[in-house]
PDB file of all heavy atoms in Angstrom:
ATOM      1  N   SER A   1     -66.792  57.324-214.134  1.00  0.00           N
ATOM      2  CA  SER A   1     -67.817  58.413-213.664  1.00  0.00           C
ATOM      3  C   SER A   1     -66.865  59.519-213.298  1.00  0.00           C
ATOM      4  O   SER A   1     -65.606  59.475-213.306  1.00  0.00           O
ATOM      5  CB  SER A   1     -68.442  57.861-212.436  1.00  0.00           C
ATOM      6  OG  SER A   1     -67.599  57.812-211.278  1.00  0.00           O
ATOM      7  N   ALA A   2     -67.460  60.656-212.743  1.00  0.00           N
ATOM      8  CA  ALA A   2     -66.694  61.696-212.293  1.00  0.00           C
ATOM      9  C   ALA A   2     -66.117  61.558-210.829  1.00  0.00           C
ATOM     10  O   ALA A   2     -65.479  62.420-210.316  1.00  0.00           O
ATOM     11  CB  ALA A   2     -67.620  62.964-212.346  1.00  0.00           C
ATOM     12  N   ASP A   3     -66.511  60.408-210.175  1.00  0.00           N
ATOM     13  CA  ASP A   3     -65.997  60.059-208.804  1.00  0.00           C
ATOM     14  C   ASP A   3     -64.489  59.699-208.895  1.00  0.00           C
ATOM     15  O   ASP A   3     -64.057  58.722-209.489  1.00  0.00           O
ATOM     16  CB  ASP A   3     -66.752  58.888-208.289  1.00  0.00           C
ATOM     17  CG  ASP A   3     -66.400  58.485-206.895  1.00  0.00           C
ATOM     18  OD1 ASP A   3     -65.459  59.108-206.297  1.00  0.00           O
ATOM     19  OD2 ASP A   3     -66.967  57.531-206.356  1.00  0.00           O
ATOM     20  N   PRO A   4     -63.716  60.524-208.204  1.00  0.00           N
ATOM     21  CA  PRO A   4     -62.253  60.310-208.335  1.00  0.00           C
ATOM     22  C   PRO A   4     -61.736  58.864-207.779  1.00  0.00           C
ATOM     23  O   PRO A   4     -60.727  58.321-208.128  1.00  0.00           O
ATOM     24  CB  PRO A   4     -61.660  61.306-207.361  1.00  0.00           C
ATOM     25  CG  PRO A   4     -62.538  62.406-207.403  1.00  0.00           C
ATOM     26  CD  PRO A   4     -64.000  61.744-207.474  1.00  0.00           C
ATOM     27  N   SER A   5     -62.671  58.288-206.852  1.00  0.00           N
ATOM     28  CA  SER A   5     -62.300  57.020-206.290  1.00  0.00           C
ATOM     29  C   SER A   5     -62.575  55.811-207.318  1.00  0.00           C
ATOM     30  O   SER A   5     -62.200  54.659-207.114  1.00  0.00           O
ATOM     31  CB  SER A   5     -62.987  56.677-205.015  1.00  0.00           C
ATOM     32  OG  SER A   5     -64.474  56.541-205.263  1.00  0.00           O
ATOM     33  N   ALA A   6     -63.311  56.017-208.358  1.00  0.00           N
ATOM     34  CA  ALA A   6     -63.743  55.050-209.395  1.00  0.00           C
ATOM     35  C   ALA A   6     -62.523  54.657-210.221  1.00  0.00           C
ATOM     36  O   ALA A   6     -61.906  55.581-210.785  1.00  0.00           O
ATOM     37  CB  ALA A   6     -64.909  55.464-210.188  1.00  0.00           C
ATOM     38  N   MET A   7     -62.358  53.426-210.451  1.00  0.00           N
ATOM     39  CA  MET A   7     -61.231  52.896-211.402  1.00  0.00           C
ATOM     40  C   MET A   7     -61.615  53.325-212.807  1.00  0.00           C
ATOM     41  O   MET A   7     -62.845  53.304-213.236  1.00  0.00           O
ATOM     42  CB  MET A   7     -61.037  51.431-211.376  1.00  0.00           C
ATOM     43  CG  MET A   7     -60.641  50.992-209.900  1.00  0.00           C
ATOM     44  SD  MET A   7     -58.903  51.265-209.505  1.00  0.00           S
ATOM     45  CE  MET A   7     -58.274  49.764-210.252  1.00  0.00           C
ATOM     46  N   PRO A   8     -60.750  53.623-213.628  1.00  0.00           N
ATOM     47  CA  PRO A   8     -60.979  53.886-215.050  1.00  0.00           C
ATOM     48  C   PRO A   8     -61.416  52.683-215.795  1.00  0.00           C
ATOM     49  O   PRO A   8     -61.244  51.556-215.396  1.00  0.00           O
ATOM     50  CB  PRO A   8     -59.680  54.502-215.572  1.00  0.00           C
ATOM     51  CG  PRO A   8     -58.710  53.803-214.746  1.00  0.00           C
ATOM     52  CD  PRO A   8     -59.156  53.778-213.414  1.00  0.00           C
ATOM     53  N   LEU A   9     -62.101  52.906-216.936  1.00  0.00           N
ATOM     54  CA  LEU A   9     -62.518  51.904-217.810  1.00  0.00           C
ATOM     55  C   LEU A   9     -61.384  51.628-218.833  1.00  0.00           C
ATOM     56  O   LEU A   9     -61.015  52.633-219.516  1.00  0.00           O
ATOM     57  CB  LEU A   9     -63.868  52.264-218.581  1.00  0.00           C
ATOM     58  CG  LEU A   9     -65.065  52.583-217.674  1.00  0.00           C
ATOM     59  CD1 LEU A   9     -66.201  52.938-218.589  1.00  0.00           C
ATOM     60  CD2 LEU A   9     -65.441  51.328-216.838  1.00  0.00           C
ATOM     61  N   VAL A  10     -60.835  50.398-218.864  1.00  0.00           N
ATOM     62  CA  VAL A  10     -59.629  50.227-219.662  1.00  0.00           C
ATOM     63  C   VAL A  10     -59.843  49.085-220.663  1.00  0.00           C
ATOM     64  O   VAL A  10     -60.413  48.066-220.298  1.00  0.00           O
ATOM     65  CB  VAL A  10     -58.489  49.698-218.732  1.00  0.00           C
ATOM     66  CG1 VAL A  10     -57.221  49.568-219.560  1.00  0.00           C
ATOM     67  CG2 VAL A  10     -58.139  50.777-217.632  1.00  0.00           C
ATOM     68  N   SER A  11     -59.567  49.435-221.934  1.00  0.00           N
ATOM     69  CA  SER A  11     -59.779  48.495-223.071  1.00  0.00           C
ATOM     70  C   SER A  11     -58.642  48.438-223.807  1.00  0.00           C
ATOM     71  O   SER A  11     -58.298  49.208-224.765  1.00  0.00           O
ATOM     72  CB  SER A  11     -60.982  48.972-223.935  1.00  0.00           C
ATOM     73  OG  SER A  11     -61.185  47.954-224.975  1.00  0.00           O
ATOM     74  N   PRO A  12     -57.628  47.492-223.492  1.00  0.00           N
ATOM     75  CA  PRO A  12     -56.388  47.453-224.188  1.00  0.00           C
ATOM     76  C   PRO A  12     -56.321  46.824-225.565  1.00  0.00           C
ATOM     77  O   PRO A  12     -55.429  47.099-226.331  1.00  0.00           O
ATOM     78  CB  PRO A  12     -55.421  46.585-223.157  1.00  0.00           C
ATOM     79  CG  PRO A  12     -56.454  45.729-222.508  1.00  0.00           C
ATOM     80  CD  PRO A  12     -57.742  46.546-222.450  1.00  0.00           C
ATOM     81  N   ASN A  13     -57.329  46.077-225.917  1.00  0.00           N
ATOM     82  CA  ASN A  13     -57.496  45.508-227.250  1.00  0.00           C
ATOM     83  C   ASN A  13     -56.202  44.741-227.607  1.00  0.00           C
ATOM     84  O   ASN A  13     -55.856  44.780-228.767  1.00  0.00           O
ATOM     85  CB  ASN A  13     -57.760  46.563-228.314  1.00  0.00           C
ATOM     86  CG  ASN A  13     -59.129  47.139-228.141  1.00  0.00           C
ATOM     87  OD1 ASN A  13     -60.053  46.428-227.740  1.00  0.00           O
ATOM     88  ND2 ASN A  13     -59.236  48.426-228.537  1.00  0.00           N
ATOM     89  N   LEU A  14     -55.663  43.958-226.631  1.00  0.00           N
ATOM     90  CA  LEU A  14     -54.559  43.051-226.989  1.00  0.00           C
ATOM     91  C   LEU A  14     -54.870  42.066-228.144  1.00  0.00           C
ATOM     92  O   LEU A  14     -55.819  41.395-228.121  1.00  0.00           O
ATOM     93  CB  LEU A  14     -54.072  42.265-225.748  1.00  0.00           C
ATOM     94  CG  LEU A  14     -53.696  43.121-224.556  1.00  0.00           C
ATOM     95  CD1 LEU A  14     -53.294  42.237-223.376  1.00  0.00           C
ATOM     96  CD2 LEU A  14     -52.535  44.040-224.842  1.00  0.00           C
ATOM     97  N   LEU A  15     -54.008  42.094-229.112  1.00  0.00           N
ATOM     98  CA  LEU A  15     -54.099  41.170-230.213  1.00  0.00           C
ATOM     99  C   LEU A  15     -55.362  41.448-231.126  1.00  0.00           C
ATOM    100  O   LEU A  15     -55.769  40.591-231.994  1.00  0.00           O
ATOM    101  CB  LEU A  15     -54.102  39.649-229.839  1.00  0.00           C
ATOM    102  CG  LEU A  15     -52.791  39.107-229.148  1.00  0.00           C
ATOM    103  CD1 LEU A  15     -53.036  37.559-228.918  1.00  0.00           C
ATOM    104  CD2 LEU A  15     -51.632  39.406-230.095  1.00  0.00           C
ATOM    105  N   LYS A  16     -55.951  42.667-231.040  1.00  0.00           N
ATOM    106  CA  LYS A  16     -57.089  42.897-231.856  1.00  0.00           C
ATOM    107  C   LYS A  16     -56.667  43.054-233.358  1.00  0.00           C
ATOM    108  O   LYS A  16     -57.401  42.706-234.184  1.00  0.00           O
ATOM    109  CB  LYS A  16     -57.823  44.135-231.390  1.00  0.00           C
ATOM    110  CG  LYS A  16     -59.126  44.364-232.140  1.00  0.00           C
ATOM    111  CD  LYS A  16     -59.886  45.558-231.410  1.00  0.00           C
ATOM    112  CE  LYS A  16     -61.272  45.815-232.161  1.00  0.00           C
ATOM    113  NZ  LYS A  16     -62.003  46.802-231.453  1.00  0.00           N
ATOM    114  N   ALA A  17     -55.634  43.756-233.519  1.00  0.00           N
ATOM    115  CA  ALA A  17     -55.070  43.920-234.935  1.00  0.00           C
ATOM    116  C   ALA A  17     -54.749  42.589-235.534  1.00  0.00           C
ATOM    117  O   ALA A  17     -53.966  41.832-234.933  1.00  0.00           O
ATOM    118  CB  ALA A  17     -53.877  44.974-235.028  1.00  0.00           C
ATOM    119  N   PRO A  18     -55.250  42.247-236.732  1.00  0.00           N
ATOM    120  CA  PRO A  18     -54.799  41.033-237.384  1.00  0.00           C
ATOM    121  C   PRO A  18     -53.340  40.770-237.552  1.00  0.00           C
ATOM    122  O   PRO A  18     -52.774  39.692-237.356  1.00  0.00           O
ATOM    123  CB  PRO A  18     -55.451  41.010-238.793  1.00  0.00           C
ATOM    124  CG  PRO A  18     -56.474  42.029-238.598  1.00  0.00           C
ATOM    125  CD  PRO A  18     -56.050  42.988-237.623  1.00  0.00           C
ATOM    126  N   GLU A  19     -52.533  41.827-237.656  1.00  0.00           N
ATOM    127  CA  GLU A  19     -51.096  41.700-237.843  1.00  0.00           C
ATOM    128  C   GLU A  19     -50.508  41.312-236.511  1.00  0.00           C
ATOM    129  O   GLU A  19     -49.580  40.462-236.499  1.00  0.00           O
ATOM    130  CB  GLU A  19     -50.414  43.081-238.137  1.00  0.00           C
ATOM    131  CG  GLU A  19     -50.946  43.690-239.443  1.00  0.00           C
ATOM    132  CD  GLU A  19     -52.001  44.780-239.097  1.00  0.00           C
ATOM    133  OE1 GLU A  19     -52.911  44.403-238.341  1.00  0.00           O
ATOM    134  OE2 GLU A  19     -52.020  45.756-239.760  1.00  0.00           O
ATOM    135  N   ASP A  20     -51.068  41.656-235.329  1.00  0.00           N
ATOM    136  CA  ASP A  20     -50.457  41.238-234.086  1.00  0.00           C
ATOM    137  C   ASP A  20     -50.758  39.831-233.838  1.00  0.00           C
ATOM    138  O   ASP A  20     -49.847  38.931-233.400  1.00  0.00           O
ATOM    139  CB  ASP A  20     -51.067  42.084-233.001  1.00  0.00           C
ATOM    140  CG  ASP A  20     -50.722  43.447-233.003  1.00  0.00           C
ATOM    141  OD1 ASP A  20     -49.844  43.851-233.764  1.00  0.00           O
ATOM    142  OD2 ASP A  20     -51.232  44.244-232.328  1.00  0.00           O
ATOM    143  N   MET A  21     -52.001  39.367-234.162  1.00  0.00           N
ATOM    144  CA  MET A  21     -52.251  37.850-234.018  1.00  0.00           C
ATOM    145  C   MET A  21     -51.470  37.049-234.859  1.00  0.00           C
ATOM    146  O   MET A  21     -50.896  36.012-234.422  1.00  0.00           O
ATOM    147  CB  MET A  21     -53.851  37.668-234.316  1.00  0.00           C
ATOM    148  CG  MET A  21     -54.245  36.228-234.122  1.00  0.00           C
ATOM    149  SD  MET A  21     -54.075  35.587-232.513  1.00  0.00           S
ATOM    150  CE  MET A  21     -55.624  36.239-231.763  1.00  0.00           C
ATOM    151  N   ALA A  22     -51.221  37.500-236.141  1.00  0.00           N
ATOM    152  CA  ALA A  22     -50.370  36.663-237.095  1.00  0.00           C
ATOM    153  C   ALA A  22     -49.025  36.632-236.551  1.00  0.00           C
ATOM    154  O   ALA A  22     -48.318  35.558-236.464  1.00  0.00           O
ATOM    155  CB  ALA A  22     -50.465  37.243-238.430  1.00  0.00           C
ATOM    156  N   GLU A  23     -48.401  37.694-236.036  1.00  0.00           N
ATOM    157  CA  GLU A  23     -47.112  37.748-235.392  1.00  0.00           C
ATOM    158  C   GLU A  23     -46.992  36.808-234.174  1.00  0.00           C
ATOM    159  O   GLU A  23     -46.081  36.126-234.108  1.00  0.00           O
ATOM    160  CB  GLU A  23     -46.698  39.229-235.127  1.00  0.00           C
ATOM    161  CG  GLU A  23     -45.196  39.430-235.067  1.00  0.00           C
ATOM    162  CD  GLU A  23     -44.534  39.228-236.380  1.00  0.00           C
ATOM    163  OE1 GLU A  23     -44.902  40.100-237.274  1.00  0.00           O
ATOM    164  OE2 GLU A  23     -43.807  38.312-236.545  1.00  0.00           O
ATOM    165  N   MET A  24     -48.004  36.864-233.342  1.00  0.00           N
ATOM    166  CA  MET A  24     -47.909  36.058-232.200  1.00  0.00           C
ATOM    167  C   MET A  24     -47.953  34.647-232.438  1.00  0.00           C
ATOM    168  O   MET A  24     -47.320  33.746-231.890  1.00  0.00           O
ATOM    169  CB  MET A  24     -49.161  36.435-231.247  1.00  0.00           C
ATOM    170  CG  MET A  24     -49.090  35.621-229.977  1.00  0.00           C
ATOM    171  SD  MET A  24     -47.699  36.060-228.836  1.00  0.00           S
ATOM    172  CE  MET A  24     -48.360  37.587-228.083  1.00  0.00           C
ATOM    173  N   ILE A  25     -48.761  34.204-233.456  1.00  0.00           N
ATOM    174  CA  ILE A  25     -48.708  32.792-233.886  1.00  0.00           C
ATOM    175  C   ILE A  25     -47.431  32.355-234.461  1.00  0.00           C
ATOM    176  O   ILE A  25     -47.009  31.191-234.082  1.00  0.00           O
ATOM    177  CB  ILE A  25     -49.904  32.557-234.959  1.00  0.00           C
ATOM    178  CG1 ILE A  25     -51.349  32.722-234.194  1.00  0.00           C
ATOM    179  CG2 ILE A  25     -49.817  31.220-235.602  1.00  0.00           C
ATOM    180  CD1 ILE A  25     -52.480  32.672-235.181  1.00  0.00           C
ATOM    181  N   ARG A  26     -46.897  33.228-235.260  1.00  0.00           N
ATOM    182  CA  ARG A  26     -45.520  32.926-235.623  1.00  0.00           C
ATOM    183  C   ARG A  26     -44.509  32.707-234.489  1.00  0.00           C
ATOM    184  O   ARG A  26     -43.607  31.880-234.474  1.00  0.00           O
ATOM    185  CB  ARG A  26     -44.922  34.061-236.608  1.00  0.00           C
ATOM    186  CG  ARG A  26     -45.601  33.855-238.047  1.00  0.00           C
ATOM    187  CD  ARG A  26     -44.943  34.896-238.962  1.00  0.00           C
ATOM    188  NE  ARG A  26     -45.182  36.331-238.760  1.00  0.00           N
ATOM    189  CZ  ARG A  26     -46.375  36.962-239.400  1.00  0.00           C
ATOM    190  NH1 ARG A  26     -46.983  36.268-240.252  1.00  0.00           N
ATOM    191  NH2 ARG A  26     -46.430  38.163-239.141  1.00  0.00           N
ATOM    192  N   GLY A  27     -44.635  33.628-233.508  1.00  0.00           N
ATOM    193  CA  GLY A  27     -43.739  33.446-232.268  1.00  0.00           C
ATOM    194  C   GLY A  27     -43.981  32.101-231.583  1.00  0.00           C
ATOM    195  O   GLY A  27     -43.006  31.524-231.131  1.00  0.00           O
ATOM    196  N   GLN A  28     -45.369  31.842-231.421  1.00  0.00           N
ATOM    197  CA  GLN A  28     -45.650  30.598-230.753  1.00  0.00           C
ATOM    198  C   GLN A  28     -44.977  29.377-231.507  1.00  0.00           C
ATOM    199  O   GLN A  28     -44.363  28.549-230.877  1.00  0.00           O
ATOM    200  CB  GLN A  28     -47.076  30.443-230.608  1.00  0.00           C
ATOM    201  CG  GLN A  28     -47.694  31.329-229.662  1.00  0.00           C
ATOM    202  CD  GLN A  28     -47.785  30.835-228.266  1.00  0.00           C
ATOM    203  OE1 GLN A  28     -48.449  29.748-228.032  1.00  0.00           O
ATOM    204  NE2 GLN A  28     -47.188  31.555-227.371  1.00  0.00           N
ATOM    205  N   ARG A  29     -45.110  29.323-232.783  1.00  0.00           N
ATOM    206  CA  ARG A  29     -44.636  28.248-233.540  1.00  0.00           C
ATOM    207  C   ARG A  29     -43.049  28.149-233.431  1.00  0.00           C
ATOM    208  O   ARG A  29     -42.445  27.062-233.218  1.00  0.00           O
ATOM    209  CB  ARG A  29     -44.924  28.395-235.051  1.00  0.00           C
ATOM    210  CG  ARG A  29     -46.386  28.153-235.404  1.00  0.00           C
ATOM    211  CD  ARG A  29     -46.603  28.105-236.882  1.00  0.00           C
ATOM    212  NE  ARG A  29     -48.074  28.004-237.178  1.00  0.00           N
ATOM    213  CZ  ARG A  29     -48.810  26.812-237.015  1.00  0.00           C
ATOM    214  NH1 ARG A  29     -48.265  25.805-236.639  1.00  0.00           N
ATOM    215  NH2 ARG A  29     -50.013  26.883-237.380  1.00  0.00           N
ATOM    216  N   TYR A  30     -42.461  29.313-233.386  1.00  0.00           N
ATOM    217  CA  TYR A  30     -40.980  29.317-233.381  1.00  0.00           C
ATOM    218  C   TYR A  30     -40.374  28.711-232.086  1.00  0.00           C
ATOM    219  O   TYR A  30     -39.572  27.887-232.042  1.00  0.00           O
ATOM    220  CB  TYR A  30     -40.436  30.817-233.556  1.00  0.00           C
ATOM    221  CG  TYR A  30     -38.894  30.884-233.553  1.00  0.00           C
ATOM    222  CD1 TYR A  30     -38.183  30.810-234.754  1.00  0.00           C
ATOM    223  CD2 TYR A  30     -38.200  30.932-232.303  1.00  0.00           C
ATOM    224  CE1 TYR A  30     -36.816  30.866-234.818  1.00  0.00           C
ATOM    225  CE2 TYR A  30     -36.796  31.045-232.318  1.00  0.00           C
ATOM    226  CZ  TYR A  30     -36.150  31.034-233.569  1.00  0.00           C
ATOM    227  OH  TYR A  30     -34.710  30.991-233.570  1.00  0.00           O
ATOM    228  N   PHE A  31     -41.114  29.133-230.886  1.00  0.00           N
ATOM    229  CA  PHE A  31     -40.582  28.671-229.647  1.00  0.00           C
ATOM    230  C   PHE A  31     -41.044  27.351-229.156  1.00  0.00           C
ATOM    231  O   PHE A  31     -40.446  26.659-228.384  1.00  0.00           O
ATOM    232  CB  PHE A  31     -40.808  29.763-228.547  1.00  0.00           C
ATOM    233  CG  PHE A  31     -39.864  30.845-228.731  1.00  0.00           C
ATOM    234  CD1 PHE A  31     -40.185  32.054-229.344  1.00  0.00           C
ATOM    235  CD2 PHE A  31     -38.446  30.774-228.232  1.00  0.00           C
ATOM    236  CE1 PHE A  31     -39.227  33.034-229.483  1.00  0.00           C
ATOM    237  CE2 PHE A  31     -37.612  31.783-228.512  1.00  0.00           C
ATOM    238  CZ  PHE A  31     -38.011  32.920-229.092  1.00  0.00           C
ATOM    239  N   LEU A  32     -42.213  26.803-229.774  1.00  0.00           N
ATOM    240  CA  LEU A  32     -42.524  25.478-229.789  1.00  0.00           C
ATOM    241  C   LEU A  32     -41.517  24.541-230.247  1.00  0.00           C
ATOM    242  O   LEU A  32     -41.273  23.389-229.741  1.00  0.00           O
ATOM    243  CB  LEU A  32     -43.895  25.164-230.446  1.00  0.00           C
ATOM    244  CG  LEU A  32     -45.170  25.513-229.668  1.00  0.00           C
ATOM    245  CD1 LEU A  32     -46.417  25.571-230.588  1.00  0.00           C
ATOM    246  CD2 LEU A  32     -45.397  24.602-228.451  1.00  0.00           C
ATOM    247  N   ARG A  33     -40.857  25.062-231.243  1.00  0.00           N
ATOM    248  CA  ARG A  33     -39.733  24.291-231.790  1.00  0.00           C
ATOM    249  C   ARG A  33     -38.575  24.142-230.822  1.00  0.00           C
ATOM    250  O   ARG A  33     -37.925  23.012-230.725  1.00  0.00           O
ATOM    251  CB  ARG A  33     -39.210  24.865-233.133  1.00  0.00           C
ATOM    252  CG  ARG A  33     -40.065  24.841-234.351  1.00  0.00           C
ATOM    253  CD  ARG A  33     -39.573  25.610-235.438  1.00  0.00           C
ATOM    254  NE  ARG A  33     -38.279  25.411-235.768  1.00  0.00           N
ATOM    255  CZ  ARG A  33     -37.490  26.152-236.481  1.00  0.00           C
ATOM    256  NH1 ARG A  33     -37.969  27.534-236.715  1.00  0.00           N
ATOM    257  NH2 ARG A  33     -36.263  25.783-236.780  1.00  0.00           N
ATOM    258  N   ALA A  34     -38.405  25.138-229.999  1.00  0.00           N
ATOM    259  CA  ALA A  34     -37.404  25.056-228.962  1.00  0.00           C
ATOM    260  C   ALA A  34     -37.568  23.935-227.889  1.00  0.00           C
ATOM    261  O   ALA A  34     -36.676  23.297-227.400  1.00  0.00           O
ATOM    262  CB  ALA A  34     -37.206  26.361-228.310  1.00  0.00           C
ATOM    263  N   PHE A  35     -38.850  23.657-227.604  1.00  0.00           N
ATOM    264  CA  PHE A  35     -39.252  22.659-226.642  1.00  0.00           C
ATOM    265  C   PHE A  35     -38.736  21.274-227.232  1.00  0.00           C
ATOM    266  O   PHE A  35     -38.616  20.319-226.463  1.00  0.00           O
ATOM    267  CB  PHE A  35     -40.745  22.681-226.389  1.00  0.00           C
ATOM    268  CG  PHE A  35     -41.109  23.712-225.247  1.00  0.00           C
ATOM    269  CD1 PHE A  35     -41.013  25.080-225.639  1.00  0.00           C
ATOM    270  CD2 PHE A  35     -41.438  23.424-223.979  1.00  0.00           C
ATOM    271  CE1 PHE A  35     -41.368  26.128-224.796  1.00  0.00           C
ATOM    272  CE2 PHE A  35     -41.784  24.442-223.060  1.00  0.00           C
ATOM    273  CZ  PHE A  35     -41.739  25.700-223.516  1.00  0.00           C
ATOM    274  N   ALA A  36     -38.813  21.134-228.476  1.00  0.00           N
ATOM    275  CA  ALA A  36     -38.470  19.866-229.231  1.00  0.00           C
ATOM    276  C   ALA A  36     -36.973  19.755-229.485  1.00  0.00           C
ATOM    277  O   ALA A  36     -36.539  18.837-230.230  1.00  0.00           O
ATOM    278  CB  ALA A  36     -39.306  19.664-230.367  1.00  0.00           C
ATOM    279  N   GLN A  37     -36.106  20.840-229.144  1.00  0.00           N
ATOM    280  CA  GLN A  37     -34.885  20.867-229.592  1.00  0.00           C
ATOM    281  C   GLN A  37     -33.852  20.445-228.376  1.00  0.00           C
ATOM    282  O   GLN A  37     -34.101  20.863-227.313  1.00  0.00           O
ATOM    283  CB  GLN A  37     -34.498  22.342-229.923  1.00  0.00           C
ATOM    284  CG  GLN A  37     -32.922  22.576-230.382  1.00  0.00           C
ATOM    285  CD  GLN A  37     -32.562  21.943-231.643  1.00  0.00           C
ATOM    286  OE1 GLN A  37     -33.409  21.938-232.682  1.00  0.00           O
ATOM    287  NE2 GLN A  37     -31.386  21.410-231.683  1.00  0.00           N
ATOM    288  N   SER A  38     -32.994  19.638-228.689  1.00  0.00           N
ATOM    289  CA  SER A  38     -31.989  19.252-227.706  1.00  0.00           C
ATOM    290  C   SER A  38     -31.064  20.454-227.366  1.00  0.00           C
ATOM    291  O   SER A  38     -30.731  21.363-228.169  1.00  0.00           O
ATOM    292  CB  SER A  38     -31.129  18.054-228.305  1.00  0.00           C
ATOM    293  OG  SER A  38     -30.162  17.698-227.288  1.00  0.00           O
ATOM    294  N   PRO A  39     -30.627  20.612-226.116  1.00  0.00           N
ATOM    295  CA  PRO A  39     -30.781  19.695-225.044  1.00  0.00           C
ATOM    296  C   PRO A  39     -32.018  19.830-224.190  1.00  0.00           C
ATOM    297  O   PRO A  39     -32.166  19.168-223.132  1.00  0.00           O
ATOM    298  CB  PRO A  39     -29.433  19.964-224.231  1.00  0.00           C
ATOM    299  CG  PRO A  39     -29.323  21.461-224.409  1.00  0.00           C
ATOM    300  CD  PRO A  39     -29.720  21.700-225.816  1.00  0.00           C
ATOM    301  N   LEU A  40     -32.876  20.856-224.587  1.00  0.00           N
ATOM    302  CA  LEU A  40     -34.110  21.081-223.771  1.00  0.00           C
ATOM    303  C   LEU A  40     -35.033  19.921-223.846  1.00  0.00           C
ATOM    304  O   LEU A  40     -35.729  19.553-222.826  1.00  0.00           O
ATOM    305  CB  LEU A  40     -34.751  22.297-224.079  1.00  0.00           C
ATOM    306  CG  LEU A  40     -35.974  22.796-223.332  1.00  0.00           C
ATOM    307  CD1 LEU A  40     -35.676  22.926-221.810  1.00  0.00           C
ATOM    308  CD2 LEU A  40     -36.447  24.042-223.861  1.00  0.00           C
ATOM    309  N   ALA A  41     -35.191  19.317-224.973  1.00  0.00           N
ATOM    310  CA  ALA A  41     -36.222  18.272-225.314  1.00  0.00           C
ATOM    311  C   ALA A  41     -36.028  17.197-224.363  1.00  0.00           C
ATOM    312  O   ALA A  41     -37.115  16.563-223.928  1.00  0.00           O
ATOM    313  CB  ALA A  41     -36.031  17.827-226.773  1.00  0.00           C
ATOM    314  N   GLU A  42     -34.927  16.819-223.796  1.00  0.00           N
ATOM    315  CA  GLU A  42     -34.718  15.690-223.021  1.00  0.00           C
ATOM    316  C   GLU A  42     -35.326  15.918-221.583  1.00  0.00           C
ATOM    317  O   GLU A  42     -35.478  14.949-220.850  1.00  0.00           O
ATOM    318  CB  GLU A  42     -33.182  15.295-222.883  1.00  0.00           C
ATOM    319  CG  GLU A  42     -32.590  14.750-224.059  1.00  0.00           C
ATOM    320  CD  GLU A  42     -32.355  15.696-225.219  1.00  0.00           C
ATOM    321  OE1 GLU A  42     -32.364  16.985-224.933  1.00  0.00           O
ATOM    322  OE2 GLU A  42     -31.929  15.346-226.262  1.00  0.00           O
TER     323      GLU A  42
END
């Protein structure tokens, strides 16, 4: 609104682009491997 005290409307669209979602899934898979890698796995 035109009221200065009103918070703005924010739409960040995180992961909306298909390329971002695909990249995030690749990143998740990579670091899931770290949890199964010694010496962290123990």
